[in-house]
């Protein structure tokens, strides 16, 4: 199986002339196994946030395209776009609290990928998170802010 073809195409190669149905089935099965192996390799090499963006993408080629799209942004307008999306992310714009947290982490990872200093600091992320929970989480937020001093602590000038 040609590895370059697996990474540069999202369809299996054309079958040679006069390929029998049995041979075509074997080639398709091998293509599928190779795709699974390369997809697993890609997934094992990316972070948790990037992994979630790859869920459901069927081919290695499409996965690489998605990673390029998400992590090769350039310029100030890109930073502003990501930061705006992060600031606009709330529990109301998310499926649930876990999706909300994952989106915030993903946007912050994208900012850090452009330049590490662009990422929000931990305490800023945590405050954005609790500030954008719904009223249903008021008790949770109150307990968290009063019992976990490190949640919004600024440990040093770089935090």
N, C-alpha and C. Protein backbone atom coordinates (compact mmCIF):
# COMPACT_ATOMS: atom_id res chain seq x y z
N UNK A 1 0.86 -1.18 0.00
CA UNK A 1 0.00 0.00 0.00
C UNK A 1 0.89 1.23 0.00
N UNK A 2 0.61 2.18 -0.85
CA UNK A 2 1.39 3.40 -1.00
C UNK A 2 0.99 4.41 0.09
N UNK A 3 1.90 4.61 1.07
CA UNK A 3 1.58 5.50 2.19
C UNK A 3 1.34 6.93 1.75
N UNK A 4 2.09 7.41 0.78
CA UNK A 4 1.88 8.78 0.30
C UNK A 4 0.47 8.94 -0.25
N UNK A 5 -0.01 7.94 -0.95
CA UNK A 5 -1.36 7.99 -1.49
C UNK A 5 -2.40 8.06 -0.37
N UNK A 6 -2.14 7.36 0.72
CA UNK A 6 -3.06 7.39 1.86
C UNK A 6 -3.16 8.79 2.46
N UNK A 7 -2.09 9.54 2.40
CA UNK A 7 -2.05 10.86 3.01
C UNK A 7 -2.43 11.98 2.05
N UNK A 8 -2.50 11.68 0.76
CA UNK A 8 -2.78 12.73 -0.21
C UNK A 8 -4.07 12.51 -0.98
N UNK A 9 -4.83 11.51 -0.61
CA UNK A 9 -6.09 11.24 -1.30
C UNK A 9 -7.09 10.69 -0.30
N UNK A 10 -8.35 11.01 -0.51
CA UNK A 10 -9.35 10.46 0.40
C UNK A 10 -10.16 9.33 -0.22
N UNK A 11 -9.71 8.87 -1.37
CA UNK A 11 -10.35 7.70 -1.98
C UNK A 11 -9.27 6.68 -2.33
N UNK A 12 -9.65 5.42 -2.36
CA UNK A 12 -8.63 4.42 -2.69
C UNK A 12 -8.25 4.53 -4.16
N UNK A 13 -7.06 4.05 -4.50
CA UNK A 13 -6.58 4.20 -5.87
C UNK A 13 -7.47 3.44 -6.86
N UNK A 14 -7.45 3.87 -8.13
CA UNK A 14 -8.25 3.16 -9.13
C UNK A 14 -7.76 1.72 -9.27
N UNK A 15 -8.69 0.86 -9.54
CA UNK A 15 -8.35 -0.56 -9.71
C UNK A 15 -7.73 -0.79 -11.08
N UNK A 16 -6.76 -1.68 -11.14
CA UNK A 16 -6.19 -2.02 -12.45
C UNK A 16 -7.27 -2.63 -13.35
N UNK A 17 -7.06 -2.52 -14.67
CA UNK A 17 -8.04 -3.13 -15.60
C UNK A 17 -8.20 -4.63 -15.32
N UNK A 18 -9.37 -5.12 -15.54
CA UNK A 18 -9.71 -6.54 -15.39
C UNK A 18 -9.49 -7.07 -13.97
N UNK A 19 -9.70 -6.23 -12.98
CA UNK A 19 -9.60 -6.67 -11.59
C UNK A 19 -10.87 -7.46 -11.25
N UNK A 20 -10.68 -8.61 -10.68
CA UNK A 20 -11.84 -9.42 -10.31
C UNK A 20 -12.52 -8.81 -9.09
N UNK A 21 -13.75 -9.19 -8.87
CA UNK A 21 -14.49 -8.69 -7.72
C UNK A 21 -13.81 -9.10 -6.42
N UNK A 22 -13.28 -10.32 -6.39
CA UNK A 22 -12.60 -10.80 -5.18
C UNK A 22 -11.34 -9.97 -4.91
N UNK A 23 -10.58 -9.68 -5.95
CA UNK A 23 -9.36 -8.88 -5.79
C UNK A 23 -9.71 -7.46 -5.38
N UNK A 24 -10.79 -6.92 -5.95
CA UNK A 24 -11.23 -5.56 -5.59
C UNK A 24 -11.63 -5.50 -4.12
N UNK A 25 -12.28 -6.55 -3.65
CA UNK A 25 -12.69 -6.61 -2.25
C UNK A 25 -11.47 -6.64 -1.33
N UNK A 26 -10.46 -7.40 -1.71
CA UNK A 26 -9.22 -7.47 -0.91
C UNK A 26 -8.52 -6.12 -0.90
N UNK A 27 -8.45 -5.47 -2.06
CA UNK A 27 -7.81 -4.15 -2.13
C UNK A 27 -8.57 -3.13 -1.27
N UNK A 28 -9.89 -3.17 -1.32
CA UNK A 28 -10.70 -2.25 -0.51
C UNK A 28 -10.50 -2.51 0.98
N UNK A 29 -10.42 -3.79 1.35
CA UNK A 29 -10.20 -4.15 2.75
C UNK A 29 -8.83 -3.65 3.21
N UNK A 30 -7.80 -3.85 2.37
CA UNK A 30 -6.45 -3.39 2.72
C UNK A 30 -6.40 -1.87 2.83
N UNK A 31 -7.11 -1.18 1.93
CA UNK A 31 -7.17 0.28 1.99
C UNK A 31 -7.79 0.72 3.32
N UNK A 32 -8.87 0.07 3.70
CA UNK A 32 -9.53 0.39 4.97
C UNK A 32 -8.64 0.15 6.17
N UNK A 33 -7.93 -0.98 6.16
CA UNK A 33 -7.01 -1.27 7.28
C UNK A 33 -5.89 -0.26 7.34
N UNK A 34 -5.34 0.11 6.19
CA UNK A 34 -4.26 1.09 6.16
C UNK A 34 -4.77 2.44 6.67
N UNK A 35 -5.99 2.82 6.26
CA UNK A 35 -6.57 4.07 6.75
C UNK A 35 -6.71 4.04 8.27
N UNK A 36 -7.20 2.92 8.80
CA UNK A 36 -7.36 2.80 10.25
C UNK A 36 -6.03 2.97 10.96
N UNK A 37 -4.99 2.34 10.44
CA UNK A 37 -3.66 2.42 11.06
C UNK A 37 -3.12 3.84 11.06
N UNK A 38 -3.22 4.50 9.93
CA UNK A 38 -2.68 5.86 9.83
C UNK A 38 -3.53 6.82 10.67
N UNK A 39 -4.85 6.66 10.66
CA UNK A 39 -5.71 7.50 11.49
C UNK A 39 -5.34 7.33 12.97
N UNK A 40 -5.12 6.09 13.39
CA UNK A 40 -4.75 5.83 14.79
C UNK A 40 -3.42 6.50 15.12
N UNK A 41 -2.49 6.45 14.19
CA UNK A 41 -1.18 7.07 14.40
C UNK A 41 -1.34 8.59 14.54
N UNK A 42 -2.13 9.20 13.67
CA UNK A 42 -2.35 10.65 13.74
C UNK A 42 -2.99 11.01 15.08
N UNK A 43 -4.03 10.29 15.46
CA UNK A 43 -4.74 10.57 16.70
C UNK A 43 -3.82 10.44 17.91
N UNK A 44 -2.90 9.48 17.86
CA UNK A 44 -1.99 9.28 19.00
C UNK A 44 -0.96 10.41 19.12
N UNK A 45 -0.77 11.18 18.07
CA UNK A 45 0.25 12.23 18.08
C UNK A 45 -0.28 13.63 18.34
N UNK A 46 -1.59 13.80 18.43
CA UNK A 46 -2.14 15.13 18.66
C UNK A 46 -2.71 15.24 20.06
N UNK A 47 -2.90 16.45 20.52
CA UNK A 47 -3.44 16.69 21.84
C UNK A 47 -4.92 16.36 21.93
N UNK A 48 -5.42 16.38 23.16
CA UNK A 48 -6.81 16.01 23.42
C UNK A 48 -7.79 16.92 22.67
N UNK A 49 -7.53 18.22 22.67
CA UNK A 49 -8.44 19.14 21.99
C UNK A 49 -8.47 18.88 20.49
N UNK A 50 -7.28 18.65 19.91
CA UNK A 50 -7.23 18.37 18.47
C UNK A 50 -7.93 17.05 18.16
N UNK A 51 -7.79 16.09 19.07
CA UNK A 51 -8.45 14.79 18.87
C UNK A 51 -9.95 14.93 18.71
N UNK A 52 -10.54 15.80 19.52
CA UNK A 52 -12.00 15.95 19.44
C UNK A 52 -12.42 16.51 18.09
N UNK A 53 -11.57 17.34 17.48
CA UNK A 53 -11.93 17.89 16.18
C UNK A 53 -11.79 16.85 15.07
N UNK A 54 -11.13 15.73 15.35
CA UNK A 54 -10.93 14.69 14.34
C UNK A 54 -11.97 13.58 14.42
N UNK A 55 -12.81 13.62 15.45
CA UNK A 55 -13.84 12.58 15.59
C UNK A 55 -14.72 12.52 14.35
N UNK A 56 -14.91 11.33 13.84
CA UNK A 56 -15.81 11.13 12.72
C UNK A 56 -15.21 11.41 11.35
N UNK A 57 -13.97 11.86 11.29
CA UNK A 57 -13.34 12.11 10.00
C UNK A 57 -12.80 10.77 9.49
N UNK A 58 -13.25 10.32 8.31
CA UNK A 58 -13.00 8.95 7.89
C UNK A 58 -11.62 8.63 7.32
N UNK A 59 -10.90 9.63 6.79
CA UNK A 59 -9.62 9.31 6.15
C UNK A 59 -8.48 10.14 6.73
N UNK A 60 -7.28 9.61 6.61
CA UNK A 60 -6.09 10.31 7.07
C UNK A 60 -5.93 11.63 6.32
N UNK A 61 -6.20 11.62 5.03
CA UNK A 61 -6.10 12.82 4.20
C UNK A 61 -7.00 13.93 4.75
N UNK A 62 -8.23 13.59 5.07
CA UNK A 62 -9.17 14.57 5.61
C UNK A 62 -8.76 15.03 7.01
N UNK A 63 -8.18 14.12 7.80
CA UNK A 63 -7.69 14.49 9.13
C UNK A 63 -6.57 15.53 9.03
N UNK A 64 -5.65 15.29 8.12
CA UNK A 64 -4.53 16.22 7.94
C UNK A 64 -5.04 17.57 7.47
N UNK A 65 -6.00 17.57 6.55
CA UNK A 65 -6.61 18.83 6.11
C UNK A 65 -7.24 19.58 7.28
N UNK A 66 -7.95 18.86 8.14
CA UNK A 66 -8.59 19.49 9.31
C UNK A 66 -7.54 20.08 10.25
N UNK A 67 -6.46 19.33 10.51
CA UNK A 67 -5.41 19.84 11.39
C UNK A 67 -4.74 21.07 10.79
N UNK A 68 -4.49 21.05 9.49
CA UNK A 68 -3.91 22.23 8.82
C UNK A 68 -4.84 23.42 8.96
N UNK A 69 -6.13 23.19 8.73
CA UNK A 69 -7.10 24.27 8.80
C UNK A 69 -7.13 24.90 10.20
N UNK A 70 -7.07 24.05 11.21
CA UNK A 70 -7.20 24.55 12.59
C UNK A 70 -5.92 25.18 13.14
N UNK A 71 -4.76 24.70 12.67
CA UNK A 71 -3.53 25.11 13.35
C UNK A 71 -2.52 25.85 12.48
N UNK A 72 -2.87 26.27 11.29
CA UNK A 72 -1.91 27.02 10.48
C UNK A 72 -2.39 28.44 10.21
N UNK A 73 -3.13 28.97 11.13
CA UNK A 73 -3.61 30.34 10.99
C UNK A 73 -2.45 31.31 11.16
N UNK A 74 -2.57 32.44 10.51
CA UNK A 74 -1.53 33.45 10.57
C UNK A 74 -2.17 34.82 10.74
N UNK A 75 -1.44 35.72 11.35
CA UNK A 75 -1.84 37.12 11.38
C UNK A 75 -2.73 37.52 12.54
N UNK A 76 -2.76 38.84 12.75
CA UNK A 76 -3.53 39.41 13.84
C UNK A 76 -5.02 39.22 13.71
N UNK A 77 -5.54 39.25 12.48
CA UNK A 77 -6.98 39.06 12.32
C UNK A 77 -7.39 37.67 12.76
N UNK A 78 -6.50 36.72 12.56
CA UNK A 78 -6.78 35.34 12.98
C UNK A 78 -6.84 35.27 14.51
N UNK A 79 -5.91 35.92 15.17
CA UNK A 79 -5.90 35.94 16.64
C UNK A 79 -7.18 36.59 17.15
N UNK A 80 -7.55 37.70 16.53
CA UNK A 80 -8.78 38.39 16.94
C UNK A 80 -10.01 37.50 16.72
N UNK A 81 -10.03 36.78 15.61
CA UNK A 81 -11.15 35.88 15.31
C UNK A 81 -11.28 34.78 16.36
N UNK A 82 -10.16 34.16 16.69
CA UNK A 82 -10.18 33.08 17.69
C UNK A 82 -10.55 33.63 19.06
N UNK A 83 -9.96 34.76 19.42
CA UNK A 83 -10.24 35.35 20.73
C UNK A 83 -11.72 35.74 20.83
N UNK A 84 -12.26 36.27 19.77
CA UNK A 84 -13.68 36.64 19.75
C UNK A 84 -14.56 35.40 19.89
N UNK A 85 -14.18 34.32 19.20
CA UNK A 85 -14.93 33.07 19.31
C UNK A 85 -14.86 32.52 20.73
N UNK A 86 -13.68 32.61 21.35
CA UNK A 86 -13.53 32.15 22.73
C UNK A 86 -14.43 32.98 23.64
N UNK A 87 -14.39 34.28 23.50
CA UNK A 87 -15.19 35.17 24.36
C UNK A 87 -16.69 34.97 24.12
N UNK A 88 -17.06 34.56 22.92
CA UNK A 88 -18.47 34.33 22.62
C UNK A 88 -18.97 32.96 23.01
N UNK A 89 -18.06 32.12 23.47
CA UNK A 89 -18.43 30.76 23.86
C UNK A 89 -18.99 30.78 25.28
N UNK A 90 -20.20 30.27 25.41
CA UNK A 90 -20.86 30.20 26.71
C UNK A 90 -21.51 28.83 26.85
N UNK A 91 -22.03 28.57 28.02
CA UNK A 91 -22.77 27.33 28.21
C UNK A 91 -23.98 27.30 27.28
N UNK A 92 -24.59 28.45 27.06
CA UNK A 92 -25.77 28.52 26.19
C UNK A 92 -25.44 28.19 24.73
N UNK A 93 -24.20 28.43 24.32
CA UNK A 93 -23.81 28.14 22.93
C UNK A 93 -23.19 26.76 22.79
N UNK A 94 -23.24 25.98 23.85
CA UNK A 94 -22.63 24.65 23.87
C UNK A 94 -23.67 23.58 24.16
N UNK A 95 -23.33 22.33 23.83
CA UNK A 95 -24.26 21.22 24.07
C UNK A 95 -24.48 20.99 25.56
N UNK A 96 -23.39 21.06 26.33
CA UNK A 96 -23.45 20.83 27.77
C UNK A 96 -22.20 21.43 28.40
N UNK A 97 -22.05 21.25 29.69
CA UNK A 97 -20.92 21.87 30.40
C UNK A 97 -19.57 21.31 29.93
N UNK A 98 -19.55 20.03 29.54
CA UNK A 98 -18.31 19.41 29.08
C UNK A 98 -17.93 19.96 27.70
N UNK A 99 -18.91 20.14 26.84
CA UNK A 99 -18.67 20.72 25.52
C UNK A 99 -18.18 22.16 25.67
N UNK A 100 -18.79 22.91 26.60
CA UNK A 100 -18.38 24.29 26.87
C UNK A 100 -16.90 24.34 27.27
N UNK A 101 -16.52 23.51 28.22
CA UNK A 101 -15.12 23.48 28.68
C UNK A 101 -14.18 23.07 27.54
N UNK A 102 -14.59 22.07 26.75
CA UNK A 102 -13.75 21.60 25.64
C UNK A 102 -13.56 22.70 24.59
N UNK A 103 -14.62 23.44 24.29
CA UNK A 103 -14.50 24.54 23.32
C UNK A 103 -13.53 25.60 23.81
N UNK A 104 -13.64 25.96 25.09
CA UNK A 104 -12.73 26.96 25.65
C UNK A 104 -11.28 26.50 25.54
N UNK A 105 -11.04 25.24 25.91
CA UNK A 105 -9.67 24.70 25.82
C UNK A 105 -9.19 24.70 24.38
N UNK A 106 -10.06 24.32 23.44
CA UNK A 106 -9.69 24.26 22.03
C UNK A 106 -9.29 25.64 21.51
N UNK A 107 -10.11 26.65 21.80
CA UNK A 107 -9.77 28.00 21.34
C UNK A 107 -8.47 28.48 21.97
N UNK A 108 -8.27 28.19 23.25
CA UNK A 108 -7.05 28.61 23.91
C UNK A 108 -5.83 27.88 23.33
N UNK A 109 -6.00 26.63 22.98
CA UNK A 109 -4.92 25.86 22.34
C UNK A 109 -4.57 26.48 20.99
N UNK A 110 -5.59 26.89 20.25
CA UNK A 110 -5.35 27.52 18.95
C UNK A 110 -4.60 28.84 19.11
N UNK A 111 -4.97 29.62 20.13
CA UNK A 111 -4.24 30.87 20.39
C UNK A 111 -2.79 30.58 20.74
N UNK A 112 -2.57 29.59 21.60
CA UNK A 112 -1.21 29.24 22.01
C UNK A 112 -0.39 28.70 20.84
N UNK A 113 -1.05 28.04 19.88
CA UNK A 113 -0.34 27.50 18.72
C UNK A 113 0.20 28.63 17.83
N UNK A 114 -0.50 29.75 17.81
CA UNK A 114 -0.04 30.89 17.02
C UNK A 114 1.14 31.55 17.72
N UNK A 115 0.98 31.79 19.01
CA UNK A 115 2.05 32.35 19.83
C UNK A 115 1.68 32.08 21.28
N UNK A 116 2.55 31.44 22.05
CA UNK A 116 2.19 31.02 23.42
C UNK A 116 1.64 32.14 24.31
N UNK A 117 2.13 33.36 24.14
CA UNK A 117 1.66 34.46 24.99
C UNK A 117 0.24 34.90 24.65
N UNK A 118 -0.32 34.46 23.53
CA UNK A 118 -1.69 34.82 23.15
C UNK A 118 -2.72 34.04 23.96
N UNK A 119 -2.33 32.93 24.50
CA UNK A 119 -3.27 32.10 25.26
C UNK A 119 -3.69 32.80 26.55
N UNK A 120 -4.93 32.62 26.93
CA UNK A 120 -5.38 33.15 28.21
C UNK A 120 -4.71 32.36 29.33
N UNK A 121 -4.46 33.03 30.43
CA UNK A 121 -3.87 32.35 31.57
C UNK A 121 -4.94 31.52 32.26
N UNK A 122 -4.51 30.58 33.10
CA UNK A 122 -5.44 29.64 33.73
C UNK A 122 -6.55 30.36 34.49
N UNK A 123 -6.20 31.34 35.27
CA UNK A 123 -7.22 32.04 36.06
C UNK A 123 -8.20 32.78 35.17
N UNK A 124 -7.72 33.31 34.02
CA UNK A 124 -8.64 33.99 33.10
C UNK A 124 -9.62 33.00 32.46
N UNK A 125 -9.10 31.84 32.09
CA UNK A 125 -9.96 30.79 31.53
C UNK A 125 -10.99 30.35 32.56
N UNK A 126 -10.55 30.14 33.79
CA UNK A 126 -11.46 29.68 34.84
C UNK A 126 -12.56 30.72 35.13
N UNK A 127 -12.18 31.99 35.17
CA UNK A 127 -13.19 33.03 35.40
C UNK A 127 -14.16 33.13 34.24
N UNK A 128 -13.66 33.03 33.01
CA UNK A 128 -14.56 33.05 31.86
C UNK A 128 -15.54 31.88 31.94
N UNK A 129 -15.03 30.74 32.35
CA UNK A 129 -15.87 29.56 32.47
C UNK A 129 -17.00 29.79 33.47
N UNK A 130 -16.66 30.19 34.70
CA UNK A 130 -17.72 30.35 35.71
C UNK A 130 -18.63 31.54 35.42
N UNK A 131 -18.08 32.60 34.81
CA UNK A 131 -18.91 33.76 34.47
C UNK A 131 -19.96 33.43 33.42
N UNK A 132 -19.74 32.41 32.64
CA UNK A 132 -20.65 32.10 31.55
C UNK A 132 -21.46 30.83 31.77
N UNK A 133 -21.51 30.38 33.01
CA UNK A 133 -22.43 29.30 33.34
C UNK A 133 -23.82 29.88 33.55
N UNK A 134 -24.81 29.06 33.44
CA UNK A 134 -26.18 29.53 33.65
C UNK A 134 -26.50 29.57 35.14
N UNK A 135 -27.64 30.14 35.47
CA UNK A 135 -28.08 30.23 36.87
C UNK A 135 -28.19 28.87 37.53
N UNK A 136 -28.43 27.84 36.75
CA UNK A 136 -28.54 26.49 37.31
C UNK A 136 -27.25 26.05 37.99
N UNK A 137 -26.14 26.70 37.68
CA UNK A 137 -24.84 26.32 38.25
C UNK A 137 -24.40 27.29 39.36
N UNK A 138 -25.29 28.14 39.85
CA UNK A 138 -24.90 29.12 40.88
C UNK A 138 -24.32 28.47 42.13
N UNK A 139 -24.95 27.41 42.63
CA UNK A 139 -24.43 26.74 43.83
C UNK A 139 -23.05 26.15 43.56
N UNK A 140 -22.89 25.52 42.41
CA UNK A 140 -21.60 24.94 42.02
C UNK A 140 -20.53 26.04 41.97
N UNK A 141 -20.86 27.15 41.33
CA UNK A 141 -19.91 28.25 41.18
C UNK A 141 -19.53 28.83 42.54
N UNK A 142 -20.52 29.03 43.39
CA UNK A 142 -20.26 29.59 44.72
C UNK A 142 -19.35 28.67 45.53
N UNK A 143 -19.64 27.36 45.52
CA UNK A 143 -18.80 26.40 46.26
C UNK A 143 -17.38 26.39 45.69
N UNK A 144 -17.29 26.41 44.38
CA UNK A 144 -15.98 26.35 43.73
C UNK A 144 -15.15 27.58 44.08
N UNK A 145 -15.73 28.74 43.99
CA UNK A 145 -14.98 29.97 44.24
C UNK A 145 -14.62 30.16 45.72
N UNK A 146 -15.43 29.62 46.61
CA UNK A 146 -15.13 29.78 48.04
C UNK A 146 -14.27 28.66 48.60
N UNK A 147 -14.26 27.50 47.95
CA UNK A 147 -13.51 26.37 48.51
C UNK A 147 -12.19 26.09 47.80
N UNK A 148 -12.04 26.55 46.58
CA UNK A 148 -10.82 26.26 45.82
C UNK A 148 -10.10 27.56 45.49
N UNK A 149 -9.24 27.96 46.41
CA UNK A 149 -8.52 29.23 46.26
C UNK A 149 -7.65 29.23 45.00
N UNK A 150 -7.13 28.07 44.61
CA UNK A 150 -6.26 28.00 43.44
C UNK A 150 -7.01 28.16 42.12
N UNK A 151 -8.32 28.05 42.16
CA UNK A 151 -9.11 28.13 40.93
C UNK A 151 -8.90 29.46 40.21
N UNK A 152 -8.80 30.56 40.99
CA UNK A 152 -8.57 31.85 40.37
C UNK A 152 -7.33 32.54 40.94
N UNK A 153 -6.43 31.77 41.54
CA UNK A 153 -5.23 32.34 42.13
C UNK A 153 -4.25 32.77 41.06
N UNK A 154 -3.63 33.89 41.33
CA UNK A 154 -2.52 34.34 40.49
C UNK A 154 -1.26 34.02 41.26
N UNK A 155 -0.58 32.94 40.85
CA UNK A 155 0.55 32.44 41.62
C UNK A 155 1.83 33.24 41.39
N UNK A 156 1.97 33.81 40.21
CA UNK A 156 3.10 34.66 39.95
C UNK A 156 2.71 35.64 38.84
N UNK A 157 3.58 36.57 38.53
CA UNK A 157 3.21 37.60 37.56
C UNK A 157 2.93 37.05 36.16
N UNK A 158 3.37 35.84 35.87
CA UNK A 158 3.14 35.25 34.55
C UNK A 158 1.83 34.49 34.47
N UNK A 159 1.18 34.22 35.61
CA UNK A 159 -0.09 33.49 35.62
C UNK A 159 -1.23 34.35 35.16
